[in-house]
Amino acid sequence: MIRRKWRIGSLLSKNGPGTEAIIAACERGVTNGEVVLVVSDRMEALGLERARVRNIPTLVVSEGEIARETKLLANDFSEHLFSPKQLGALVGRSAGIIPSSITDVNERVAWIIKRFLAENFLLDMLIRSKIDFLLLDEFAWELSAFFMEQLETRIGDNCLVNIS
């Protein structure tokens, strides 16, 4: 009986040594899978180049770029979608991932909205790639509770593998 190969995605920020090892294991047939997408938050990540050489699709996800591409100003976005009470809850729930250098409430909300847009874009790309597993290979972002919940709901429980 031939089993379907696992579809593997990877999030990395630098060299991606774990991703490189998984790709090699898949190529040798040690792992019944194939890496179908490699994503980084840094254009210069060596792990992206390693994937491109093997014709594996790559993607760079930048919070700032996504916010500019969507042409949404975080303040306008937040004022139309959230009540003041909801904004307070959003800031409180996301407090653990907001950089401590951002102290102004409006800047904190803007940062959260940019991250929300970036993570939502990332989730959409992962779903389109029909991944079964997602590797976290030295990925710099601390992913939000929203992202983690959506990942499990939309892709499946136990789909996240931290290899850093």
N, C-alpha and C. Protein backbone atom coordinates (compact mmCIF):
# COMPACT_ATOMS: atom_id res chain seq x y z
N MET A 1 0.83 -1.18 0.00
CA MET A 1 0.00 0.00 0.00
C MET A 1 0.89 1.25 0.00
N ILE A 2 0.66 2.14 -0.95
CA ILE A 2 1.43 3.36 -1.04
C ILE A 2 0.71 4.46 -0.27
N ARG A 3 1.45 5.06 0.68
CA ARG A 3 0.87 6.15 1.46
C ARG A 3 1.21 7.48 0.80
N ARG A 4 0.30 8.39 0.95
CA ARG A 4 0.51 9.75 0.46
C ARG A 4 1.66 10.38 1.23
N LYS A 5 2.49 11.13 0.53
CA LYS A 5 3.60 11.80 1.21
C LYS A 5 3.07 12.96 2.05
N TRP A 6 3.68 13.15 3.22
CA TRP A 6 3.35 14.28 4.06
C TRP A 6 3.82 15.55 3.37
N ARG A 7 3.00 16.58 3.43
CA ARG A 7 3.34 17.89 2.88
C ARG A 7 3.84 18.75 4.04
N ILE A 8 5.08 19.22 3.92
CA ILE A 8 5.75 19.91 5.02
C ILE A 8 6.04 21.35 4.64
N GLY A 9 5.72 22.26 5.55
CA GLY A 9 6.07 23.67 5.40
C GLY A 9 7.10 24.01 6.47
N SER A 10 7.87 25.06 6.22
CA SER A 10 8.89 25.46 7.19
C SER A 10 8.91 26.98 7.35
N LEU A 11 9.00 27.42 8.61
CA LEU A 11 9.22 28.83 8.93
C LEU A 11 10.63 28.96 9.47
N LEU A 12 11.43 29.80 8.85
CA LEU A 12 12.80 29.99 9.31
C LEU A 12 13.19 31.45 9.20
N SER A 13 14.22 31.84 9.94
CA SER A 13 14.70 33.22 9.87
C SER A 13 16.12 33.32 9.36
N LYS A 14 16.90 32.28 9.50
CA LYS A 14 18.31 32.35 9.10
C LYS A 14 18.69 31.20 8.18
N ASN A 15 19.55 30.32 8.68
CA ASN A 15 20.10 29.25 7.85
C ASN A 15 19.14 28.08 7.65
N GLY A 16 18.30 27.81 8.63
CA GLY A 16 17.37 26.70 8.50
C GLY A 16 18.03 25.34 8.50
N PRO A 17 18.91 25.04 9.46
CA PRO A 17 19.58 23.74 9.46
C PRO A 17 18.61 22.57 9.63
N GLY A 18 17.59 22.75 10.41
CA GLY A 18 16.59 21.68 10.58
C GLY A 18 15.81 21.44 9.30
N THR A 19 15.47 22.52 8.62
CA THR A 19 14.76 22.40 7.34
C THR A 19 15.65 21.70 6.32
N GLU A 20 16.91 22.07 6.30
CA GLU A 20 17.87 21.43 5.39
C GLU A 20 17.92 19.93 5.65
N ALA A 21 17.95 19.54 6.92
CA ALA A 21 18.01 18.11 7.28
C ALA A 21 16.73 17.39 6.85
N ILE A 22 15.58 18.03 7.03
CA ILE A 22 14.30 17.41 6.62
C ILE A 22 14.24 17.27 5.11
N ILE A 23 14.67 18.30 4.39
CA ILE A 23 14.68 18.23 2.92
C ILE A 23 15.56 17.06 2.48
N ALA A 24 16.74 16.94 3.06
CA ALA A 24 17.67 15.86 2.70
C ALA A 24 17.06 14.50 3.02
N ALA A 25 16.41 14.39 4.18
CA ALA A 25 15.78 13.11 4.56
C ALA A 25 14.66 12.75 3.58
N CYS A 26 13.91 13.74 3.14
CA CYS A 26 12.85 13.49 2.16
C CYS A 26 13.44 13.05 0.83
N GLU A 27 14.52 13.70 0.40
CA GLU A 27 15.17 13.35 -0.87
C GLU A 27 15.73 11.94 -0.83
N ARG A 28 16.26 11.50 0.30
CA ARG A 28 16.81 10.15 0.44
C ARG A 28 15.75 9.09 0.69
N GLY A 29 14.52 9.52 0.91
CA GLY A 29 13.44 8.57 1.17
C GLY A 29 13.38 8.10 2.61
N VAL A 30 14.15 8.72 3.49
CA VAL A 30 14.14 8.37 4.90
C VAL A 30 12.84 8.82 5.55
N THR A 31 12.29 9.93 5.06
CA THR A 31 11.03 10.47 5.54
C THR A 31 10.02 10.43 4.40
N ASN A 32 8.83 9.96 4.69
CA ASN A 32 7.78 9.90 3.68
C ASN A 32 7.11 11.27 3.58
N GLY A 33 7.84 12.21 3.01
CA GLY A 33 7.31 13.56 2.91
C GLY A 33 8.04 14.37 1.87
N GLU A 34 7.54 15.58 1.68
CA GLU A 34 8.19 16.54 0.81
C GLU A 34 7.96 17.93 1.37
N VAL A 35 8.99 18.74 1.32
CA VAL A 35 8.86 20.12 1.77
C VAL A 35 8.26 20.89 0.61
N VAL A 36 7.10 21.50 0.85
CA VAL A 36 6.35 22.16 -0.22
C VAL A 36 6.37 23.68 -0.12
N LEU A 37 6.88 24.22 1.00
CA LEU A 37 6.95 25.67 1.15
C LEU A 37 7.94 26.02 2.25
N VAL A 38 8.81 26.99 1.97
CA VAL A 38 9.74 27.51 2.97
C VAL A 38 9.48 29.01 3.07
N VAL A 39 9.20 29.47 4.29
CA VAL A 39 8.84 30.86 4.55
C VAL A 39 9.85 31.47 5.51
N SER A 40 10.20 32.72 5.26
CA SER A 40 11.08 33.45 6.17
C SER A 40 10.58 34.87 6.35
N ASP A 41 10.99 35.47 7.45
CA ASP A 41 10.71 36.89 7.67
C ASP A 41 11.88 37.74 7.20
N ARG A 42 12.90 37.09 6.62
CA ARG A 42 14.10 37.80 6.16
C ARG A 42 14.45 37.38 4.73
N MET A 43 14.50 38.36 3.86
CA MET A 43 14.80 38.11 2.46
C MET A 43 16.15 37.43 2.28
N GLU A 44 17.13 37.75 3.14
CA GLU A 44 18.50 37.24 2.99
C GLU A 44 18.73 35.89 3.67
N ALA A 45 17.70 35.26 4.18
CA ALA A 45 17.87 33.99 4.89
C ALA A 45 18.45 32.92 3.96
N LEU A 46 19.53 32.30 4.40
CA LEU A 46 20.20 31.25 3.62
C LEU A 46 19.25 30.08 3.37
N GLY A 47 18.37 29.80 4.32
CA GLY A 47 17.42 28.70 4.16
C GLY A 47 16.52 28.88 2.94
N LEU A 48 16.20 30.13 2.59
CA LEU A 48 15.40 30.38 1.38
C LEU A 48 16.17 29.99 0.13
N GLU A 49 17.44 30.36 0.07
CA GLU A 49 18.26 30.03 -1.09
C GLU A 49 18.42 28.52 -1.23
N ARG A 50 18.61 27.84 -0.11
CA ARG A 50 18.73 26.37 -0.15
C ARG A 50 17.47 25.74 -0.73
N ALA A 51 16.31 26.30 -0.39
CA ALA A 51 15.05 25.78 -0.92
C ALA A 51 14.91 26.10 -2.41
N ARG A 52 15.25 27.32 -2.79
CA ARG A 52 15.13 27.71 -4.20
C ARG A 52 15.98 26.83 -5.11
N VAL A 53 17.18 26.49 -4.66
CA VAL A 53 18.08 25.63 -5.45
C VAL A 53 17.39 24.29 -5.74
N ARG A 54 16.55 23.85 -4.84
CA ARG A 54 15.84 22.57 -5.01
C ARG A 54 14.44 22.76 -5.60
N ASN A 55 14.15 23.96 -6.09
CA ASN A 55 12.85 24.28 -6.69
C ASN A 55 11.68 24.13 -5.70
N ILE A 56 11.94 24.40 -4.45
CA ILE A 56 10.89 24.41 -3.43
C ILE A 56 10.37 25.84 -3.35
N PRO A 57 9.06 26.05 -3.44
CA PRO A 57 8.52 27.40 -3.36
C PRO A 57 8.92 28.09 -2.05
N THR A 58 9.23 29.39 -2.17
CA THR A 58 9.63 30.18 -1.01
C THR A 58 8.75 31.43 -0.91
N LEU A 59 8.75 31.99 0.29
CA LEU A 59 7.95 33.17 0.54
C LEU A 59 8.61 33.98 1.65
N VAL A 60 8.63 35.29 1.49
CA VAL A 60 9.10 36.18 2.54
C VAL A 60 7.90 36.92 3.09
N VAL A 61 7.70 36.85 4.40
CA VAL A 61 6.58 37.50 5.05
C VAL A 61 7.11 38.61 5.95
N SER A 62 6.78 39.83 5.59
CA SER A 62 7.23 41.00 6.35
C SER A 62 5.99 41.75 6.83
N GLU A 63 5.91 41.97 8.14
CA GLU A 63 4.75 42.68 8.69
C GLU A 63 4.56 44.03 8.01
N GLY A 64 5.63 44.78 7.87
CA GLY A 64 5.55 46.11 7.28
C GLY A 64 5.11 46.07 5.83
N GLU A 65 5.68 45.16 5.05
CA GLU A 65 5.32 45.04 3.64
C GLU A 65 3.84 44.67 3.49
N ILE A 66 3.37 43.75 4.30
CA ILE A 66 1.97 43.33 4.20
C ILE A 66 1.05 44.49 4.55
N ALA A 67 1.39 45.24 5.59
CA ALA A 67 0.57 46.39 5.97
C ALA A 67 0.53 47.41 4.82
N ARG A 68 1.67 47.64 4.15
CA ARG A 68 1.70 48.58 3.02
C ARG A 68 0.92 48.02 1.82
N GLU A 69 1.10 46.74 1.54
CA GLU A 69 0.42 46.14 0.39
C GLU A 69 -1.10 46.18 0.54
N THR A 70 -1.59 46.00 1.74
CA THR A 70 -3.04 46.01 1.95
C THR A 70 -3.59 47.42 1.99
N LYS A 71 -2.68 48.43 2.04
CA LYS A 71 -3.06 49.84 2.07
C LYS A 71 -4.04 50.14 3.21
N LEU A 72 -3.85 49.48 4.33
CA LEU A 72 -4.67 49.72 5.51
C LEU A 72 -3.82 50.41 6.56
N LEU A 73 -4.30 51.51 7.05
CA LEU A 73 -3.62 52.14 8.19
C LEU A 73 -4.14 51.47 9.44
N ALA A 74 -3.25 51.06 10.29
CA ALA A 74 -3.65 50.30 11.48
C ALA A 74 -4.66 51.04 12.33
N ASN A 75 -4.51 52.35 12.47
CA ASN A 75 -5.47 53.09 13.29
C ASN A 75 -6.86 53.06 12.68
N ASP A 76 -6.96 53.30 11.36
CA ASP A 76 -8.27 53.25 10.70
C ASP A 76 -8.85 51.84 10.80
N PHE A 77 -8.03 50.85 10.57
CA PHE A 77 -8.45 49.46 10.64
C PHE A 77 -9.03 49.14 12.01
N SER A 78 -8.29 49.53 13.05
CA SER A 78 -8.72 49.19 14.40
C SER A 78 -9.98 49.95 14.81
N GLU A 79 -10.10 51.22 14.41
CA GLU A 79 -11.27 52.00 14.79
C GLU A 79 -12.55 51.45 14.17
N HIS A 80 -12.45 50.88 12.98
CA HIS A 80 -13.65 50.37 12.32
C HIS A 80 -14.02 48.96 12.73
N LEU A 81 -13.07 48.19 13.20
CA LEU A 81 -13.34 46.79 13.52
C LEU A 81 -13.52 46.49 14.99
N PHE A 82 -12.95 47.31 15.86
CA PHE A 82 -12.93 47.00 17.27
C PHE A 82 -13.50 48.14 18.11
N SER A 83 -14.25 47.79 19.13
CA SER A 83 -14.68 48.78 20.12
C SER A 83 -13.50 49.05 21.04
N PRO A 84 -13.54 50.16 21.82
CA PRO A 84 -12.44 50.41 22.77
C PRO A 84 -12.23 49.24 23.73
N LYS A 85 -13.31 48.61 24.16
CA LYS A 85 -13.19 47.47 25.08
C LYS A 85 -12.49 46.30 24.38
N GLN A 86 -12.86 46.03 23.11
CA GLN A 86 -12.22 44.95 22.36
C GLN A 86 -10.74 45.23 22.12
N LEU A 87 -10.42 46.51 21.84
CA LEU A 87 -9.02 46.87 21.63
C LEU A 87 -8.21 46.62 22.90
N GLY A 88 -8.79 46.98 24.05
CA GLY A 88 -8.10 46.73 25.31
C GLY A 88 -7.84 45.26 25.52
N ALA A 89 -8.83 44.42 25.20
CA ALA A 89 -8.67 42.97 25.34
C ALA A 89 -7.62 42.44 24.37
N LEU A 90 -7.61 42.98 23.15
CA LEU A 90 -6.65 42.55 22.14
C LEU A 90 -5.22 42.88 22.58
N VAL A 91 -5.04 44.10 23.08
CA VAL A 91 -3.71 44.50 23.56
C VAL A 91 -3.30 43.63 24.74
N GLY A 92 -4.24 43.40 25.66
CA GLY A 92 -3.93 42.56 26.83
C GLY A 92 -3.57 41.15 26.45
N ARG A 93 -4.31 40.56 25.52
CA ARG A 93 -4.07 39.17 25.10
C ARG A 93 -2.76 39.03 24.36
N SER A 94 -2.34 40.09 23.68
CA SER A 94 -1.13 40.04 22.87
C SER A 94 0.08 40.61 23.59
N ALA A 95 -0.08 40.97 24.85
CA ALA A 95 1.00 41.65 25.58
C ALA A 95 2.30 40.88 25.56
N GLY A 96 2.26 39.57 25.56
CA GLY A 96 3.48 38.76 25.61
C GLY A 96 4.31 38.80 24.36
N ILE A 97 3.73 39.21 23.23
CA ILE A 97 4.50 39.22 21.98
C ILE A 97 4.84 40.61 21.49
N ILE A 98 4.27 41.65 22.10
CA ILE A 98 4.57 43.02 21.68
C ILE A 98 5.95 43.40 22.21
N PRO A 99 6.81 43.94 21.36
CA PRO A 99 8.13 44.36 21.84
C PRO A 99 7.99 45.34 23.00
N SER A 100 8.79 45.16 24.02
CA SER A 100 8.70 46.00 25.22
C SER A 100 9.05 47.46 24.93
N SER A 101 9.73 47.72 23.83
CA SER A 101 10.09 49.10 23.48
C SER A 101 8.87 49.91 23.01
N ILE A 102 7.78 49.23 22.69
CA ILE A 102 6.56 49.93 22.26
C ILE A 102 5.68 50.11 23.48
N THR A 103 5.59 51.36 23.95
CA THR A 103 4.84 51.63 25.18
C THR A 103 3.54 52.39 24.93
N ASP A 104 3.47 53.19 23.87
CA ASP A 104 2.26 53.94 23.57
C ASP A 104 1.14 52.99 23.13
N VAL A 105 -0.06 53.20 23.69
CA VAL A 105 -1.19 52.30 23.41
C VAL A 105 -1.52 52.26 21.92
N ASN A 106 -1.54 53.43 21.27
CA ASN A 106 -1.86 53.45 19.84
C ASN A 106 -0.80 52.72 19.02
N GLU A 107 0.46 52.87 19.39
CA GLU A 107 1.53 52.15 18.69
C GLU A 107 1.42 50.65 18.94
N ARG A 108 1.02 50.26 20.15
CA ARG A 108 0.84 48.84 20.47
C ARG A 108 -0.28 48.25 19.61
N VAL A 109 -1.38 49.00 19.49
CA VAL A 109 -2.51 48.54 18.67
C VAL A 109 -2.07 48.43 17.21
N ALA A 110 -1.34 49.43 16.71
CA ALA A 110 -0.87 49.39 15.33
C ALA A 110 0.03 48.18 15.10
N TRP A 111 0.92 47.89 16.05
CA TRP A 111 1.81 46.73 15.94
C TRP A 111 1.00 45.43 15.89
N ILE A 112 0.00 45.34 16.75
CA ILE A 112 -0.84 44.13 16.79
C ILE A 112 -1.57 43.95 15.46
N ILE A 113 -2.11 45.02 14.91
CA ILE A 113 -2.85 44.93 13.65
C ILE A 113 -1.91 44.50 12.53
N LYS A 114 -0.69 45.06 12.48
CA LYS A 114 0.28 44.64 11.46
C LYS A 114 0.61 43.15 11.61
N ARG A 115 0.81 42.72 12.85
CA ARG A 115 1.11 41.31 13.09
C ARG A 115 -0.07 40.43 12.69
N PHE A 116 -1.29 40.88 13.04
CA PHE A 116 -2.49 40.13 12.67
C PHE A 116 -2.57 39.96 11.15
N LEU A 117 -2.34 41.04 10.41
CA LEU A 117 -2.38 40.96 8.95
C LEU A 117 -1.31 40.02 8.42
N ALA A 118 -0.09 40.12 8.97
CA ALA A 118 1.00 39.26 8.51
C ALA A 118 0.72 37.79 8.82
N GLU A 119 0.25 37.52 10.05
CA GLU A 119 -0.04 36.13 10.42
C GLU A 119 -1.21 35.57 9.62
N ASN A 120 -2.21 36.40 9.34
CA ASN A 120 -3.34 35.94 8.56
C ASN A 120 -2.91 35.60 7.13
N PHE A 121 -2.04 36.45 6.55
CA PHE A 121 -1.48 36.18 5.23
C PHE A 121 -0.68 34.87 5.25
N LEU A 122 0.14 34.70 6.27
CA LEU A 122 0.94 33.49 6.40
C LEU A 122 0.04 32.25 6.50
N LEU A 123 -0.99 32.32 7.34
CA LEU A 123 -1.92 31.20 7.46
C LEU A 123 -2.55 30.85 6.11
N ASP A 124 -2.95 31.88 5.38
CA ASP A 124 -3.56 31.65 4.07
C ASP A 124 -2.60 30.92 3.14
N MET A 125 -1.34 31.32 3.13
CA MET A 125 -0.34 30.67 2.26
C MET A 125 -0.10 29.22 2.69
N LEU A 126 -0.08 28.96 3.99
CA LEU A 126 0.11 27.60 4.49
C LEU A 126 -1.07 26.72 4.10
N ILE A 127 -2.26 27.25 4.21
CA ILE A 127 -3.46 26.48 3.86
C ILE A 127 -3.49 26.20 2.36
N ARG A 128 -3.15 27.20 1.56
CA ARG A 128 -3.11 27.00 0.11
C ARG A 128 -2.08 25.93 -0.28
N SER A 129 -1.02 25.82 0.50
CA SER A 129 0.01 24.81 0.23
C SER A 129 -0.39 23.43 0.72
N LYS A 130 -1.50 23.34 1.41
CA LYS A 130 -2.05 22.07 1.90
C LYS A 130 -1.03 21.28 2.73
N ILE A 131 -0.38 21.99 3.65
CA ILE A 131 0.63 21.32 4.47
C ILE A 131 -0.02 20.42 5.52
N ASP A 132 0.71 19.39 5.89
CA ASP A 132 0.30 18.50 6.98
C ASP A 132 1.06 18.86 8.26
N PHE A 133 2.30 19.33 8.11
CA PHE A 133 3.15 19.69 9.24
C PHE A 133 3.83 21.02 8.95
N LEU A 134 4.05 21.78 10.02
CA LEU A 134 4.77 23.04 9.92
C LEU A 134 5.96 23.00 10.85
N LEU A 135 7.15 23.17 10.27
CA LEU A 135 8.39 23.19 11.06
C LEU A 135 8.69 24.63 11.49
N LEU A 136 9.02 24.80 12.75
CA LEU A 136 9.56 26.08 13.22
C LEU A 136 11.05 25.88 13.37
N ASP A 137 11.80 26.47 12.47
CA ASP A 137 13.25 26.27 12.42
C ASP A 137 13.95 27.62 12.66
N GLU A 138 14.17 27.93 13.93
CA GLU A 138 14.79 29.19 14.31
C GLU A 138 14.04 30.39 13.75
N PHE A 139 12.71 30.32 13.79
CA PHE A 139 11.87 31.42 13.30
C PHE A 139 11.83 32.50 14.36
N ALA A 140 12.10 33.74 13.96
CA ALA A 140 12.30 34.84 14.91
C ALA A 140 11.01 35.33 15.57
N TRP A 141 9.90 35.20 14.91
CA TRP A 141 8.66 35.72 15.48
C TRP A 141 8.20 34.85 16.64
N GLU A 142 7.65 35.49 17.66
CA GLU A 142 6.90 34.76 18.65
C GLU A 142 5.47 34.79 18.13
N LEU A 143 4.98 33.64 17.72
CA LEU A 143 3.66 33.58 17.08
C LEU A 143 2.56 33.79 18.11
N SER A 144 1.50 34.46 17.68
CA SER A 144 0.41 34.82 18.58
C SER A 144 -0.48 33.63 18.88
N ALA A 145 -1.26 33.77 19.94
CA ALA A 145 -2.25 32.74 20.29
C ALA A 145 -3.25 32.58 19.14
N PHE A 146 -3.60 33.69 18.49
CA PHE A 146 -4.51 33.64 17.34
C PHE A 146 -3.95 32.72 16.26
N PHE A 147 -2.68 32.93 15.92
CA PHE A 147 -2.05 32.12 14.88
C PHE A 147 -2.07 30.64 15.26
N MET A 148 -1.69 30.35 16.50
CA MET A 148 -1.62 28.96 16.94
C MET A 148 -3.00 28.29 16.92
N GLU A 149 -4.02 29.01 17.38
CA GLU A 149 -5.39 28.47 17.37
C GLU A 149 -5.85 28.22 15.94
N GLN A 150 -5.61 29.18 15.05
CA GLN A 150 -6.02 29.03 13.67
C GLN A 150 -5.26 27.91 12.97
N LEU A 151 -4.00 27.77 13.28
CA LEU A 151 -3.19 26.70 12.70
C LEU A 151 -3.78 25.34 13.06
N GLU A 152 -4.08 25.15 14.34
CA GLU A 152 -4.65 23.87 14.78
C GLU A 152 -6.05 23.65 14.21
N THR A 153 -6.86 24.71 14.14
CA THR A 153 -8.23 24.59 13.64
C THR A 153 -8.24 24.31 12.14
N ARG A 154 -7.40 25.02 11.39
CA ARG A 154 -7.47 24.96 9.94
C ARG A 154 -6.57 23.90 9.32
N ILE A 155 -5.51 23.50 10.02
CA ILE A 155 -4.61 22.49 9.47
C ILE A 155 -4.69 21.19 10.28
N GLY A 156 -4.77 21.28 11.58
CA GLY A 156 -4.93 20.08 12.40
C GLY A 156 -4.11 20.14 13.68
N ASP A 157 -4.61 19.46 14.69
CA ASP A 157 -3.88 19.35 15.95
C ASP A 157 -2.55 18.65 15.69
N ASN A 158 -1.58 18.99 16.48
CA ASN A 158 -0.25 18.36 16.42
C ASN A 158 0.45 18.52 15.08
N CYS A 159 0.15 19.63 14.38
CA CYS A 159 0.79 19.85 13.08
C CYS A 159 2.06 20.67 13.21
N LEU A 160 2.32 21.23 14.39
CA LEU A 160 3.46 22.11 14.58
C LEU A 160 4.63 21.34 15.17
N VAL A 161 5.81 21.47 14.54
CA VAL A 161 7.01 20.80 15.01
C VAL A 161 8.09 21.83 15.21
N ASN A 162 8.56 22.01 16.42
CA ASN A 162 9.62 22.96 16.72
C ASN A 162 10.96 22.24 16.66
N ILE A 163 11.80 22.60 15.70
CA ILE A 163 13.08 21.90 15.54
C ILE A 163 14.27 22.82 15.78
N SER A 164 14.03 23.99 16.36
CA SER A 164 15.15 24.92 16.55
C SER A 164 15.92 24.59 17.81
